[in-house]
Amino acid sequence: MAVKSFRELIAWQKGMDLVEAVYLATRDFPKEETYGLRQQIRRAAVSIPSNIAEGQGRRSTREFLSFLSIALGSLRELGTQLLIAGRLRYLETSTCDALATQCGEVARILSGLSKALNREE
């Protein structure tokens, strides 16, 4: 795969869009969640493009695939945390649905990237 920079990867770009959406959605969480669920949600979101970038910078495809797997795990963690936030009514249903749609898009792109890399190995 001829990618010069992680910034060229659609998975990374969509991951960054997701981080931005998560930060905006969680800014009005209750004050008692400042160091609780809000922080966990934000960390999981940031982990997604961070792992994509780190993996792309590694020397081998196998290492890149490992980091993509970690990013996908963080994405699943984020999805669960967003569902919790919705159940606690910290997020509107429409916001939860929009974020779930974004998570699904990132998951599909990560899966496609992983499959493409596996074919190269």
PDB file of N, CA and C in Angstrom:
ATOM      1  N   MET A   1       0.851  -1.173   0.000  1.00  0.00           N
ATOM      2  CA  MET A   1       0.000   0.000   0.000  1.00  0.00           C
ATOM      3  C   MET A   1       0.896   1.234   0.000  1.00  0.00           C
ATOM      4  N   ALA A   2       0.765   2.037  -1.007  1.00  0.00           N
ATOM      5  CA  ALA A   2       1.643   3.193  -1.174  1.00  0.00           C
ATOM      6  C   ALA A   2       1.038   4.432  -0.517  1.00  0.00           C
ATOM      7  N   VAL A   3       1.200   4.532   0.778  1.00  0.00           N
ATOM      8  CA  VAL A   3       0.719   5.689   1.529  1.00  0.00           C
ATOM      9  C   VAL A   3       1.927   6.358   2.156  1.00  0.00           C
ATOM     10  N   LYS A   4       2.103   7.629   1.876  1.00  0.00           N
ATOM     11  CA  LYS A   4       3.260   8.356   2.408  1.00  0.00           C
ATOM     12  C   LYS A   4       3.021   8.832   3.839  1.00  0.00           C
ATOM     13  N   SER A   5       1.777   9.157   4.152  1.00  0.00           N
ATOM     14  CA  SER A   5       1.458   9.709   5.465  1.00  0.00           C
ATOM     15  C   SER A   5       0.127   9.158   5.959  1.00  0.00           C
ATOM     16  N   PHE A   6       0.027   8.998   7.252  1.00  0.00           N
ATOM     17  CA  PHE A   6      -1.231   8.548   7.849  1.00  0.00           C
ATOM     18  C   PHE A   6      -2.360   9.514   7.536  1.00  0.00           C
ATOM     19  N   ARG A   7      -2.035  10.759   7.286  1.00  0.00           N
ATOM     20  CA  ARG A   7      -3.048  11.771   6.980  1.00  0.00           C
ATOM     21  C   ARG A   7      -3.791  11.476   5.679  1.00  0.00           C
ATOM     22  N   GLU A   8      -3.202  10.676   4.824  1.00  0.00           N
ATOM     23  CA  GLU A   8      -3.834  10.292   3.560  1.00  0.00           C
ATOM     24  C   GLU A   8      -4.881   9.198   3.751  1.00  0.00           C
ATOM     25  N   LEU A   9      -4.843   8.517   4.865  1.00  0.00           N
ATOM     26  CA  LEU A   9      -5.751   7.393   5.107  1.00  0.00           C
ATOM     27  C   LEU A   9      -7.153   7.895   5.466  1.00  0.00           C
ATOM     28  N   ILE A  10      -8.133   7.427   4.713  1.00  0.00           N
ATOM     29  CA  ILE A  10      -9.520   7.817   4.982  1.00  0.00           C
ATOM     30  C   ILE A  10      -9.929   7.361   6.377  1.00  0.00           C
ATOM     31  N   ALA A  11      -9.433   6.210   6.805  1.00  0.00           N
ATOM     32  CA  ALA A  11      -9.746   5.717   8.156  1.00  0.00           C
ATOM     33  C   ALA A  11      -9.298   6.725   9.212  1.00  0.00           C
ATOM     34  N   TRP A  12      -8.111   7.285   9.030  1.00  0.00           N
ATOM     35  CA  TRP A  12      -7.605   8.282   9.982  1.00  0.00           C
ATOM     36  C   TRP A  12      -8.448   9.560   9.911  1.00  0.00           C
ATOM     37  N   GLN A  13      -8.760  10.006   8.699  1.00  0.00           N
ATOM     38  CA  GLN A  13      -9.549  11.228   8.521  1.00  0.00           C
ATOM     39  C   GLN A  13     -10.926  11.097   9.168  1.00  0.00           C
ATOM     40  N   LYS A  14     -11.580   9.967   8.933  1.00  0.00           N
ATOM     41  CA  LYS A  14     -12.903   9.733   9.530  1.00  0.00           C
ATOM     42  C   LYS A  14     -12.798   9.562  11.044  1.00  0.00           C
ATOM     43  N   GLY A  15     -11.697   8.972  11.501  1.00  0.00           N
ATOM     44  CA  GLY A  15     -11.463   8.861  12.936  1.00  0.00           C
ATOM     45  C   GLY A  15     -11.327  10.231  13.586  1.00  0.00           C
ATOM     46  N   MET A  16     -10.646  11.126  12.908  1.00  0.00           N
ATOM     47  CA  MET A  16     -10.499  12.497  13.423  1.00  0.00           C
ATOM     48  C   MET A  16     -11.842  13.216  13.457  1.00  0.00           C
ATOM     49  N   ASP A  17     -12.669  13.006  12.426  1.00  0.00           N
ATOM     50  CA  ASP A  17     -14.020  13.589  12.422  1.00  0.00           C
ATOM     51  C   ASP A  17     -14.831  13.063  13.606  1.00  0.00           C
ATOM     52  N   LEU A  18     -14.668  11.778  13.896  1.00  0.00           N
ATOM     53  CA  LEU A  18     -15.374  11.174  15.019  1.00  0.00           C
ATOM     54  C   LEU A  18     -14.917  11.781  16.340  1.00  0.00           C
ATOM     55  N   VAL A  19     -13.625  11.989  16.498  1.00  0.00           N
ATOM     56  CA  VAL A  19     -13.109  12.615  17.726  1.00  0.00           C
ATOM     57  C   VAL A  19     -13.752  13.987  17.927  1.00  0.00           C
ATOM     58  N   GLU A  20     -13.781  14.764  16.868  1.00  0.00           N
ATOM     59  CA  GLU A  20     -14.370  16.098  16.962  1.00  0.00           C
ATOM     60  C   GLU A  20     -15.847  16.023  17.363  1.00  0.00           C
ATOM     61  N   ALA A  21     -16.582  15.131  16.750  1.00  0.00           N
ATOM     62  CA  ALA A  21     -18.008  14.979  17.073  1.00  0.00           C
ATOM     63  C   ALA A  21     -18.200  14.529  18.519  1.00  0.00           C
ATOM     64  N   VAL A  22     -17.347  13.629  18.990  1.00  0.00           N
ATOM     65  CA  VAL A  22     -17.435  13.143  20.368  1.00  0.00           C
ATOM     66  C   VAL A  22     -17.151  14.271  21.359  1.00  0.00           C
ATOM     67  N   TYR A  23     -16.128  15.055  21.096  1.00  0.00           N
ATOM     68  CA  TYR A  23     -15.817  16.164  21.993  1.00  0.00           C
ATOM     69  C   TYR A  23     -16.972  17.165  22.068  1.00  0.00           C
ATOM     70  N   LEU A  24     -17.566  17.465  20.925  1.00  0.00           N
ATOM     71  CA  LEU A  24     -18.702  18.397  20.918  1.00  0.00           C
ATOM     72  C   LEU A  24     -19.903  17.808  21.653  1.00  0.00           C
ATOM     73  N   ALA A  25     -20.152  16.522  21.446  1.00  0.00           N
ATOM     74  CA  ALA A  25     -21.317  15.871  22.069  1.00  0.00           C
ATOM     75  C   ALA A  25     -21.173  15.738  23.579  1.00  0.00           C
ATOM     76  N   THR A  26     -19.948  15.615  24.065  1.00  0.00           N
ATOM     77  CA  THR A  26     -19.746  15.365  25.501  1.00  0.00           C
ATOM     78  C   THR A  26     -19.437  16.619  26.311  1.00  0.00           C
ATOM     79  N   ARG A  27     -19.371  17.751  25.673  1.00  0.00           N
ATOM     80  CA  ARG A  27     -18.979  18.962  26.418  1.00  0.00           C
ATOM     81  C   ARG A  27     -20.002  19.374  27.470  1.00  0.00           C
ATOM     82  N   ASP A  28     -21.268  18.987  27.303  1.00  0.00           N
ATOM     83  CA  ASP A  28     -22.301  19.373  28.263  1.00  0.00           C
ATOM     84  C   ASP A  28     -22.700  18.250  29.215  1.00  0.00           C
ATOM     85  N   PHE A  29     -21.835  17.259  29.360  1.00  0.00           N
ATOM     86  CA  PHE A  29     -22.093  16.203  30.334  1.00  0.00           C
ATOM     87  C   PHE A  29     -22.152  16.825  31.731  1.00  0.00           C
ATOM     88  N   PRO A  30     -22.818  16.147  32.662  1.00  0.00           N
ATOM     89  CA  PRO A  30     -22.864  16.666  34.036  1.00  0.00           C
ATOM     90  C   PRO A  30     -21.452  16.856  34.616  1.00  0.00           C
ATOM     91  N   LYS A  31     -21.317  17.829  35.465  1.00  0.00           N
ATOM     92  CA  LYS A  31     -20.019  18.152  36.054  1.00  0.00           C
ATOM     93  C   LYS A  31     -19.388  16.944  36.750  1.00  0.00           C
ATOM     94  N   GLU A  32     -20.213  16.104  37.388  1.00  0.00           N
ATOM     95  CA  GLU A  32     -19.664  14.935  38.097  1.00  0.00           C
ATOM     96  C   GLU A  32     -19.045  13.912  37.140  1.00  0.00           C
ATOM     97  N   GLU A  33     -19.296  14.051  35.846  1.00  0.00           N
ATOM     98  CA  GLU A  33     -18.715  13.135  34.856  1.00  0.00           C
ATOM     99  C   GLU A  33     -17.440  13.685  34.217  1.00  0.00           C
ATOM    100  N   THR A  34     -16.956  14.811  34.705  1.00  0.00           N
ATOM    101  CA  THR A  34     -15.749  15.414  34.134  1.00  0.00           C
ATOM    102  C   THR A  34     -14.595  14.425  34.095  1.00  0.00           C
ATOM    103  N   TYR A  35     -14.424  13.659  35.159  1.00  0.00           N
ATOM    104  CA  TYR A  35     -13.314  12.701  35.218  1.00  0.00           C
ATOM    105  C   TYR A  35     -13.819  11.256  35.160  1.00  0.00           C
ATOM    106  N   GLY A  36     -15.043  11.083  34.748  1.00  0.00           N
ATOM    107  CA  GLY A  36     -15.636   9.757  34.658  1.00  0.00           C
ATOM    108  C   GLY A  36     -15.904   9.371  33.217  1.00  0.00           C
ATOM    109  N   LEU A  37     -17.177   9.189  32.921  1.00  0.00           N
ATOM    110  CA  LEU A  37     -17.587   8.696  31.606  1.00  0.00           C
ATOM    111  C   LEU A  37     -17.147   9.623  30.470  1.00  0.00           C
ATOM    112  N   ARG A  38     -17.248  10.914  30.671  1.00  0.00           N
ATOM    113  CA  ARG A  38     -16.838  11.849  29.602  1.00  0.00           C
ATOM    114  C   ARG A  38     -15.377  11.637  29.236  1.00  0.00           C
ATOM    115  N   GLN A  39     -14.526  11.530  30.227  1.00  0.00           N
ATOM    116  CA  GLN A  39     -13.108  11.334  29.962  1.00  0.00           C
ATOM    117  C   GLN A  39     -12.843   9.983  29.295  1.00  0.00           C
ATOM    118  N   GLN A  40     -13.543   8.947  29.718  1.00  0.00           N
ATOM    119  CA  GLN A  40     -13.377   7.625  29.101  1.00  0.00           C
ATOM    120  C   GLN A  40     -13.796   7.644  27.643  1.00  0.00           C
ATOM    121  N   ILE A  41     -14.927   8.290  27.356  1.00  0.00           N
ATOM    122  CA  ILE A  41     -15.424   8.386  25.982  1.00  0.00           C
ATOM    123  C   ILE A  41     -14.413   9.117  25.118  1.00  0.00           C
ATOM    124  N   ARG A  42     -13.905  10.225  25.613  1.00  0.00           N
ATOM    125  CA  ARG A  42     -12.957  11.015  24.831  1.00  0.00           C
ATOM    126  C   ARG A  42     -11.654  10.263  24.602  1.00  0.00           C
ATOM    127  N   ARG A  43     -11.177   9.561  25.605  1.00  0.00           N
ATOM    128  CA  ARG A  43      -9.934   8.785  25.445  1.00  0.00           C
ATOM    129  C   ARG A  43     -10.098   7.677  24.416  1.00  0.00           C
ATOM    130  N   ALA A  44     -11.232   6.985  24.460  1.00  0.00           N
ATOM    131  CA  ALA A  44     -11.485   5.921  23.487  1.00  0.00           C
ATOM    132  C   ALA A  44     -11.529   6.498  22.076  1.00  0.00           C
ATOM    133  N   ALA A  45     -12.179   7.644  21.920  1.00  0.00           N
ATOM    134  CA  ALA A  45     -12.273   8.273  20.602  1.00  0.00           C
ATOM    135  C   ALA A  45     -10.893   8.686  20.089  1.00  0.00           C
ATOM    136  N   VAL A  46     -10.107   9.318  20.938  1.00  0.00           N
ATOM    137  CA  VAL A  46      -8.767   9.772  20.544  1.00  0.00           C
ATOM    138  C   VAL A  46      -7.872   8.586  20.193  1.00  0.00           C
ATOM    139  N   SER A  47      -8.089   7.475  20.850  1.00  0.00           N
ATOM    140  CA  SER A  47      -7.282   6.280  20.613  1.00  0.00           C
ATOM    141  C   SER A  47      -7.419   5.749  19.187  1.00  0.00           C
ATOM    142  N   ILE A  48      -8.561   5.977  18.571  1.00  0.00           N
ATOM    143  CA  ILE A  48      -8.820   5.414  17.236  1.00  0.00           C
ATOM    144  C   ILE A  48      -7.868   5.997  16.190  1.00  0.00           C
ATOM    145  N   PRO A  49      -7.891   7.306  15.921  1.00  0.00           N
ATOM    146  CA  PRO A  49      -6.959   7.824  14.911  1.00  0.00           C
ATOM    147  C   PRO A  49      -5.505   7.762  15.374  1.00  0.00           C
ATOM    148  N   SER A  50      -5.282   7.812  16.676  1.00  0.00           N
ATOM    149  CA  SER A  50      -3.913   7.719  17.196  1.00  0.00           C
ATOM    150  C   SER A  50      -3.286   6.380  16.852  1.00  0.00           C
ATOM    151  N   ASN A  51      -4.043   5.299  17.022  1.00  0.00           N
ATOM    152  CA  ASN A  51      -3.516   3.965  16.701  1.00  0.00           C
ATOM    153  C   ASN A  51      -3.363   3.757  15.202  1.00  0.00           C
ATOM    154  N   ILE A  52      -4.252   4.346  14.431  1.00  0.00           N
ATOM    155  CA  ILE A  52      -4.108   4.269  12.976  1.00  0.00           C
ATOM    156  C   ILE A  52      -2.807   4.953  12.557  1.00  0.00           C
ATOM    157  N   ALA A  53      -2.562   6.136  13.096  1.00  0.00           N
ATOM    158  CA  ALA A  53      -1.349   6.883  12.763  1.00  0.00           C
ATOM    159  C   ALA A  53      -0.098   6.137  13.220  1.00  0.00           C
ATOM    160  N   GLU A  54      -0.114   5.647  14.440  1.00  0.00           N
ATOM    161  CA  GLU A  54       1.057   4.935  14.945  1.00  0.00           C
ATOM    162  C   GLU A  54       1.331   3.675  14.128  1.00  0.00           C
ATOM    163  N   GLY A  55       0.286   2.948  13.806  1.00  0.00           N
ATOM    164  CA  GLY A  55       0.456   1.726  13.027  1.00  0.00           C
ATOM    165  C   GLY A  55       1.004   1.989  11.642  1.00  0.00           C
ATOM    166  N   GLN A  56       0.529   3.041  10.998  1.00  0.00           N
ATOM    167  CA  GLN A  56       0.998   3.364   9.655  1.00  0.00           C
ATOM    168  C   GLN A  56       2.486   3.718   9.669  1.00  0.00           C
ATOM    169  N   GLY A  57       2.953   4.222  10.784  1.00  0.00           N
ATOM    170  CA  GLY A  57       4.360   4.587  10.905  1.00  0.00           C
ATOM    171  C   GLY A  57       5.286   3.432  11.239  1.00  0.00           C
ATOM    172  N   ARG A  58       4.737   2.258  11.472  1.00  0.00           N
ATOM    173  CA  ARG A  58       5.556   1.092  11.804  1.00  0.00           C
ATOM    174  C   ARG A  58       6.197   0.503  10.556  1.00  0.00           C
ATOM    175  N   ARG A  59       7.160  -0.357  10.762  1.00  0.00           N
ATOM    176  CA  ARG A  59       7.953  -0.885   9.652  1.00  0.00           C
ATOM    177  C   ARG A  59       7.313  -2.040   8.905  1.00  0.00           C
ATOM    178  N   SER A  60       6.371  -2.717   9.525  1.00  0.00           N
ATOM    179  CA  SER A  60       5.822  -3.891   8.860  1.00  0.00           C
ATOM    180  C   SER A  60       4.301  -3.820   8.774  1.00  0.00           C
ATOM    181  N   THR A  61       3.776  -4.518   7.793  1.00  0.00           N
ATOM    182  CA  THR A  61       2.331  -4.626   7.625  1.00  0.00           C
ATOM    183  C   THR A  61       1.717  -5.314   8.830  1.00  0.00           C
ATOM    184  N   ARG A  62       2.383  -6.324   9.340  1.00  0.00           N
ATOM    185  CA  ARG A  62       1.865  -7.056  10.502  1.00  0.00           C
ATOM    186  C   ARG A  62       1.684  -6.111  11.701  1.00  0.00           C
ATOM    187  N   GLU A  63       2.652  -5.236  11.925  1.00  0.00           N
ATOM    188  CA  GLU A  63       2.523  -4.270  13.026  1.00  0.00           C
ATOM    189  C   GLU A  63       1.368  -3.309  12.769  1.00  0.00           C
ATOM    190  N   PHE A  64       1.248  -2.843  11.533  1.00  0.00           N
ATOM    191  CA  PHE A  64       0.158  -1.943  11.176  1.00  0.00           C
ATOM    192  C   PHE A  64      -1.180  -2.617  11.458  1.00  0.00           C
ATOM    193  N   LEU A  65      -1.311  -3.868  11.059  1.00  0.00           N
ATOM    194  CA  LEU A  65      -2.546  -4.607  11.305  1.00  0.00           C
ATOM    195  C   LEU A  65      -2.854  -4.722  12.794  1.00  0.00           C
ATOM    196  N   SER A  66      -1.831  -4.900  13.593  1.00  0.00           N
ATOM    197  CA  SER A  66      -2.023  -4.988  15.036  1.00  0.00           C
ATOM    198  C   SER A  66      -2.589  -3.672  15.582  1.00  0.00           C
ATOM    199  N   PHE A  67      -2.061  -2.550  15.105  1.00  0.00           N
ATOM    200  CA  PHE A  67      -2.555  -1.248  15.568  1.00  0.00           C
ATOM    201  C   PHE A  67      -3.964  -0.976  15.057  1.00  0.00           C
ATOM    202  N   LEU A  68      -4.280  -1.456  13.861  1.00  0.00           N
ATOM    203  CA  LEU A  68      -5.646  -1.308  13.356  1.00  0.00           C
ATOM    204  C   LEU A  68      -6.611  -2.115  14.213  1.00  0.00           C
ATOM    205  N   SER A  69      -6.173  -3.267  14.688  1.00  0.00           N
ATOM    206  CA  SER A  69      -6.991  -4.081  15.580  1.00  0.00           C
ATOM    207  C   SER A  69      -7.240  -3.349  16.896  1.00  0.00           C
ATOM    208  N   ILE A  70      -6.224  -2.693  17.408  1.00  0.00           N
ATOM    209  CA  ILE A  70      -6.386  -1.907  18.643  1.00  0.00           C
ATOM    210  C   ILE A  70      -7.359  -0.762  18.410  1.00  0.00           C
ATOM    211  N   ALA A  71      -7.246  -0.101  17.246  1.00  0.00           N
ATOM    212  CA  ALA A  71      -8.161   0.996  16.914  1.00  0.00           C
ATOM    213  C   ALA A  71      -9.598   0.491  16.859  1.00  0.00           C
ATOM    214  N   LEU A  72      -9.791  -0.678  16.286  1.00  0.00           N
ATOM    215  CA  LEU A  72     -11.130  -1.253  16.209  1.00  0.00           C
ATOM    216  C   LEU A  72     -11.656  -1.591  17.610  1.00  0.00           C
ATOM    217  N   GLY A  73     -10.787  -2.071  18.475  1.00  0.00           N
ATOM    218  CA  GLY A  73     -11.187  -2.330  19.855  1.00  0.00           C
ATOM    219  C   GLY A  73     -11.603  -1.052  20.564  1.00  0.00           C
ATOM    220  N   SER A  74     -10.855   0.022  20.344  1.00  0.00           N
ATOM    221  CA  SER A  74     -11.208   1.319  20.931  1.00  0.00           C
ATOM    222  C   SER A  74     -12.541   1.815  20.387  1.00  0.00           C
ATOM    223  N   LEU A  75     -12.789   1.532  19.120  1.00  0.00           N
ATOM    224  CA  LEU A  75     -14.051   1.921  18.501  1.00  0.00           C
ATOM    225  C   LEU A  75     -15.221   1.186  19.154  1.00  0.00           C
ATOM    226  N   ARG A  76     -15.046  -0.094  19.429  1.00  0.00           N
ATOM    227  CA  ARG A  76     -16.091  -0.878  20.114  1.00  0.00           C
ATOM    228  C   ARG A  76     -16.294  -0.378  21.549  1.00  0.00           C
ATOM    229  N   GLU A  77     -15.191  -0.042  22.199  1.00  0.00           N
ATOM    230  CA  GLU A  77     -15.272   0.530  23.551  1.00  0.00           C
ATOM    231  C   GLU A  77     -16.064   1.842  23.509  1.00  0.00           C
ATOM    232  N   LEU A  78     -15.742   2.689  22.545  1.00  0.00           N
ATOM    233  CA  LEU A  78     -16.442   3.963  22.396  1.00  0.00           C
ATOM    234  C   LEU A  78     -17.932   3.735  22.166  1.00  0.00           C
ATOM    235  N   GLY A  79     -18.268   2.796  21.294  1.00  0.00           N
ATOM    236  CA  GLY A  79     -19.672   2.514  21.030  1.00  0.00           C
ATOM    237  C   GLY A  79     -20.427   2.115  22.282  1.00  0.00           C
ATOM    238  N   THR A  80     -19.812   1.291  23.094  1.00  0.00           N
ATOM    239  CA  THR A  80     -20.431   0.866  24.351  1.00  0.00           C
ATOM    240  C   THR A  80     -20.617   2.047  25.295  1.00  0.00           C
ATOM    241  N   GLN A  81     -19.597   2.870  25.408  1.00  0.00           N
ATOM    242  CA  GLN A  81     -19.673   4.029  26.299  1.00  0.00           C
ATOM    243  C   GLN A  81     -20.724   5.031  25.840  1.00  0.00           C
ATOM    244  N   LEU A  82     -20.877   5.185  24.539  1.00  0.00           N
ATOM    245  CA  LEU A  82     -21.914   6.081  24.022  1.00  0.00           C
ATOM    246  C   LEU A  82     -23.302   5.543  24.333  1.00  0.00           C
ATOM    247  N   LEU A  83     -23.464   4.224  24.252  1.00  0.00           N
ATOM    248  CA  LEU A  83     -24.745   3.629  24.625  1.00  0.00           C
ATOM    249  C   LEU A  83     -25.049   3.867  26.107  1.00  0.00           C
ATOM    250  N   ILE A  84     -24.034   3.755  26.928  1.00  0.00           N
ATOM    251  CA  ILE A  84     -24.209   4.028  28.366  1.00  0.00           C
ATOM    252  C   ILE A  84     -24.628   5.480  28.571  1.00  0.00           C
ATOM    253  N   ALA A  85     -23.954   6.392  27.883  1.00  0.00           N
ATOM    254  CA  ALA A  85     -24.281   7.820  28.002  1.00  0.00           C
ATOM    255  C   ALA A  85     -25.715   8.084  27.552  1.00  0.00           C
ATOM    256  N   GLY A  86     -26.144   7.388  26.531  1.00  0.00           N
ATOM    257  CA  GLY A  86     -27.528   7.536  26.081  1.00  0.00           C
ATOM    258  C   GLY A  86     -28.516   7.003  27.091  1.00  0.00           C
ATOM    259  N   ARG A  87     -28.203   5.846  27.658  1.00  0.00           N
ATOM    260  CA  ARG A  87     -29.099   5.249  28.656  1.00  0.00           C
ATOM    261  C   ARG A  87     -29.202   6.116  29.908  1.00  0.00           C
ATOM    262  N   LEU A  88     -28.115   6.814  30.230  1.00  0.00           N
ATOM    263  CA  LEU A  88     -28.124   7.717  31.384  1.00  0.00           C
ATOM    264  C   LEU A  88     -28.702   9.092  31.027  1.00  0.00           C
ATOM    265  N   ARG A  89     -29.077   9.234  29.778  1.00  0.00           N
ATOM    266  CA  ARG A  89     -29.662  10.468  29.243  1.00  0.00           C
ATOM    267  C   ARG A  89     -28.690  11.652  29.278  1.00  0.00           C
ATOM    268  N   TYR A  90     -27.403  11.346  29.164  1.00  0.00           N
ATOM    269  CA  TYR A  90     -26.400  12.400  29.035  1.00  0.00           C
ATOM    270  C   TYR A  90     -26.330  12.887  27.591  1.00  0.00           C
ATOM    271  N   LEU A  91     -26.795  12.041  26.673  1.00  0.00           N
ATOM    272  CA  LEU A  91     -26.830  12.388  25.255  1.00  0.00           C
ATOM    273  C   LEU A  91     -28.246  12.201  24.727  1.00  0.00           C
ATOM    274  N   GLU A  92     -28.647  13.074  23.834  1.00  0.00           N
ATOM    275  CA  GLU A  92     -29.931  12.932  23.151  1.00  0.00           C
ATOM    276  C   GLU A  92     -29.895  11.694  22.254  1.00  0.00           C
ATOM    277  N   THR A  93     -31.029  11.099  22.038  1.00  0.00           N
ATOM    278  CA  THR A  93     -31.114   9.922  21.175  1.00  0.00           C
ATOM    279  C   THR A  93     -30.585  10.222  19.784  1.00  0.00           C
ATOM    280  N   SER A  94     -30.917  11.389  19.252  1.00  0.00           N
ATOM    281  CA  SER A  94     -30.458  11.747  17.907  1.00  0.00           C
ATOM    282  C   SER A  94     -28.934  11.863  17.853  1.00  0.00           C
ATOM    283  N   THR A  95     -28.330  12.363  18.917  1.00  0.00           N
ATOM    284  CA  THR A  95     -26.869  12.469  18.980  1.00  0.00           C
ATOM    285  C   THR A  95     -26.242  11.089  19.048  1.00  0.00           C
ATOM    286  N   CYS A  96     -26.815  10.213  19.881  1.00  0.00           N
ATOM    287  CA  CYS A  96     -26.331   8.824  19.970  1.00  0.00           C
ATOM    288  C   CYS A  96     -26.414   8.138  18.614  1.00  0.00           C
ATOM    289  N   ASP A  97     -27.526   8.337  17.925  1.00  0.00           N
ATOM    290  CA  ASP A  97     -27.709   7.708  16.615  1.00  0.00           C
ATOM    291  C   ASP A  97     -26.690   8.223  15.604  1.00  0.00           C
ATOM    292  N   ALA A  98     -26.461   9.524  15.605  1.00  0.00           N
ATOM    293  CA  ALA A  98     -25.491  10.110  14.674  1.00  0.00           C
ATOM    294  C   ALA A  98     -24.080   9.600  14.958  1.00  0.00           C
ATOM    295  N   LEU A  99     -23.718   9.520  16.228  1.00  0.00           N
ATOM    296  CA  LEU A  99     -22.384   9.018  16.592  1.00  0.00           C
ATOM    297  C   LEU A  99     -22.259   7.535  16.267  1.00  0.00           C
ATOM    298  N   ALA A 100     -23.328   6.774  16.467  1.00  0.00           N
ATOM    299  CA  ALA A 100     -23.308   5.343  16.121  1.00  0.00           C
ATOM    300  C   ALA A 100     -23.110   5.166  14.617  1.00  0.00           C
ATOM    301  N   THR A 101     -23.719   6.026  13.828  1.00  0.00           N
ATOM    302  CA  THR A 101     -23.542   5.978  12.378  1.00  0.00           C
ATOM    303  C   THR A 101     -22.091   6.253  12.006  1.00  0.00           C
ATOM    304  N   GLN A 102     -21.501   7.262  12.649  1.00  0.00           N
ATOM    305  CA  GLN A 102     -20.091   7.568  12.396  1.00  0.00           C
ATOM    306  C   GLN A 102     -19.202   6.404  12.814  1.00  0.00           C
ATOM    307  N   CYS A 103     -19.487   5.816  13.960  1.00  0.00           N
ATOM    308  CA  CYS A 103     -18.712   4.656  14.426  1.00  0.00           C
ATOM    309  C   CYS A 103     -18.803   3.514  13.422  1.00  0.00           C
ATOM    310  N   GLY A 104     -19.995   3.276  12.903  1.00  0.00           N
ATOM    311  CA  GLY A 104     -20.176   2.219  11.912  1.00  0.00           C
ATOM    312  C   GLY A 104     -19.378   2.474  10.647  1.00  0.00           C
ATOM    313  N   GLU A 105     -19.340   3.720  10.220  1.00  0.00           N
ATOM    314  CA  GLU A 105     -18.574   4.072   9.023  1.00  0.00           C
ATOM    315  C   GLU A 105     -17.078   3.838   9.246  1.00  0.00           C
ATOM    316  N   VAL A 106     -16.585   4.274  10.394  1.00  0.00           N
ATOM    317  CA  VAL A 106     -15.170   4.069  10.707  1.00  0.00           C
ATOM    318  C   VAL A 106     -14.867   2.576  10.799  1.00  0.00           C
ATOM    319  N   ALA A 107     -15.755   1.807  11.386  1.00  0.00           N
ATOM    320  CA  ALA A 107     -15.555   0.351  11.503  1.00  0.00           C
ATOM    321  C   ALA A 107     -15.454  -0.290  10.121  1.00  0.00           C
ATOM    322  N   ARG A 108     -16.342   0.092   9.213  1.00  0.00           N
ATOM    323  CA  ARG A 108     -16.305  -0.468   7.853  1.00  0.00           C
ATOM    324  C   ARG A 108     -15.004  -0.112   7.138  1.00  0.00           C
ATOM    325  N   ILE A 109     -14.564   1.116   7.298  1.00  0.00           N
ATOM    326  CA  ILE A 109     -13.331   1.552   6.645  1.00  0.00           C
ATOM    327  C   ILE A 109     -12.125   0.828   7.236  1.00  0.00           C
ATOM    328  N   LEU A 110     -12.093   0.697   8.558  1.00  0.00           N
ATOM    329  CA  LEU A 110     -10.997  -0.037   9.206  1.00  0.00           C
ATOM    330  C   LEU A 110     -10.972  -1.488   8.753  1.00  0.00           C
ATOM    331  N   SER A 111     -12.133  -2.085   8.652  1.00  0.00           N
ATOM    332  CA  SER A 111     -12.222  -3.469   8.209  1.00  0.00           C
ATOM    333  C   SER A 111     -11.711  -3.613   6.780  1.00  0.00           C
ATOM    334  N   GLY A 112     -12.097  -2.706   5.923  1.00  0.00           N
ATOM    335  CA  GLY A 112     -11.631  -2.732   4.541  1.00  0.00           C
ATOM    336  C   GLY A 112     -10.132  -2.532   4.429  1.00  0.00           C
ATOM    337  N   LEU A 113      -9.605  -1.629   5.223  1.00  0.00           N
ATOM    338  CA  LEU A 113      -8.159  -1.382   5.225  1.00  0.00           C
ATOM    339  C   LEU A 113      -7.415  -2.624   5.713  1.00  0.00           C
ATOM    340  N   SER A 114      -7.926  -3.239   6.757  1.00  0.00           N
ATOM    341  CA  SER A 114      -7.296  -4.453   7.283  1.00  0.00           C
ATOM    342  C   SER A 114      -7.304  -5.571   6.254  1.00  0.00           C
ATOM    343  N   LYS A 115      -8.423  -5.747   5.559  1.00  0.00           N
ATOM    344  CA  LYS A 115      -8.510  -6.781   4.530  1.00  0.00           C
ATOM    345  C   LYS A 115      -7.519  -6.510   3.398  1.00  0.00           C
ATOM    346  N   ALA A 116      -7.418  -5.250   2.995  1.00  0.00           N
ATOM    347  CA  ALA A 116      -6.483  -4.894   1.922  1.00  0.00           C
ATOM    348  C   ALA A 116      -5.040  -5.174   2.347  1.00  0.00           C
ATOM    349  N   LEU A 117      -4.713  -4.856   3.575  1.00  0.00           N
ATOM    350  CA  LEU A 117      -3.355  -5.095   4.086  1.00  0.00           C
ATOM    351  C   LEU A 117      -3.074  -6.594   4.210  1.00  0.00           C
ATOM    352  N   ASN A 118      -4.082  -7.345   4.626  1.00  0.00           N
ATOM    353  CA  ASN A 118      -3.915  -8.812   4.736  1.00  0.00           C
ATOM    354  C   ASN A 118      -3.633  -9.436   3.376  1.00  0.00           C
ATOM    355  N   ARG A 119      -4.225  -8.910   2.324  1.00  0.00           N
ATOM    356  CA  ARG A 119      -3.981  -9.430   0.976  1.00  0.00           C
ATOM    357  C   ARG A 119      -2.561  -9.151   0.527  1.00  0.00           C
ATOM    358  N   GLU A 120      -1.976  -8.045   1.031  1.00  0.00           N
ATOM    359  CA  GLU A 120      -0.607  -7.677   0.651  1.00  0.00           C
ATOM    360  C   GLU A 120       0.446  -8.546   1.319  1.00  0.00           C
ATOM    361  N   GLU A 121       0.093  -9.078   2.496  1.00  0.00           N
ATOM    362  CA  GLU A 121       1.076  -9.857   3.274  1.00  0.00           C
ATOM    363  C   GLU A 121       1.497 -11.107   2.572  1.00  0.00           C
TER     364      GLU A 121
END
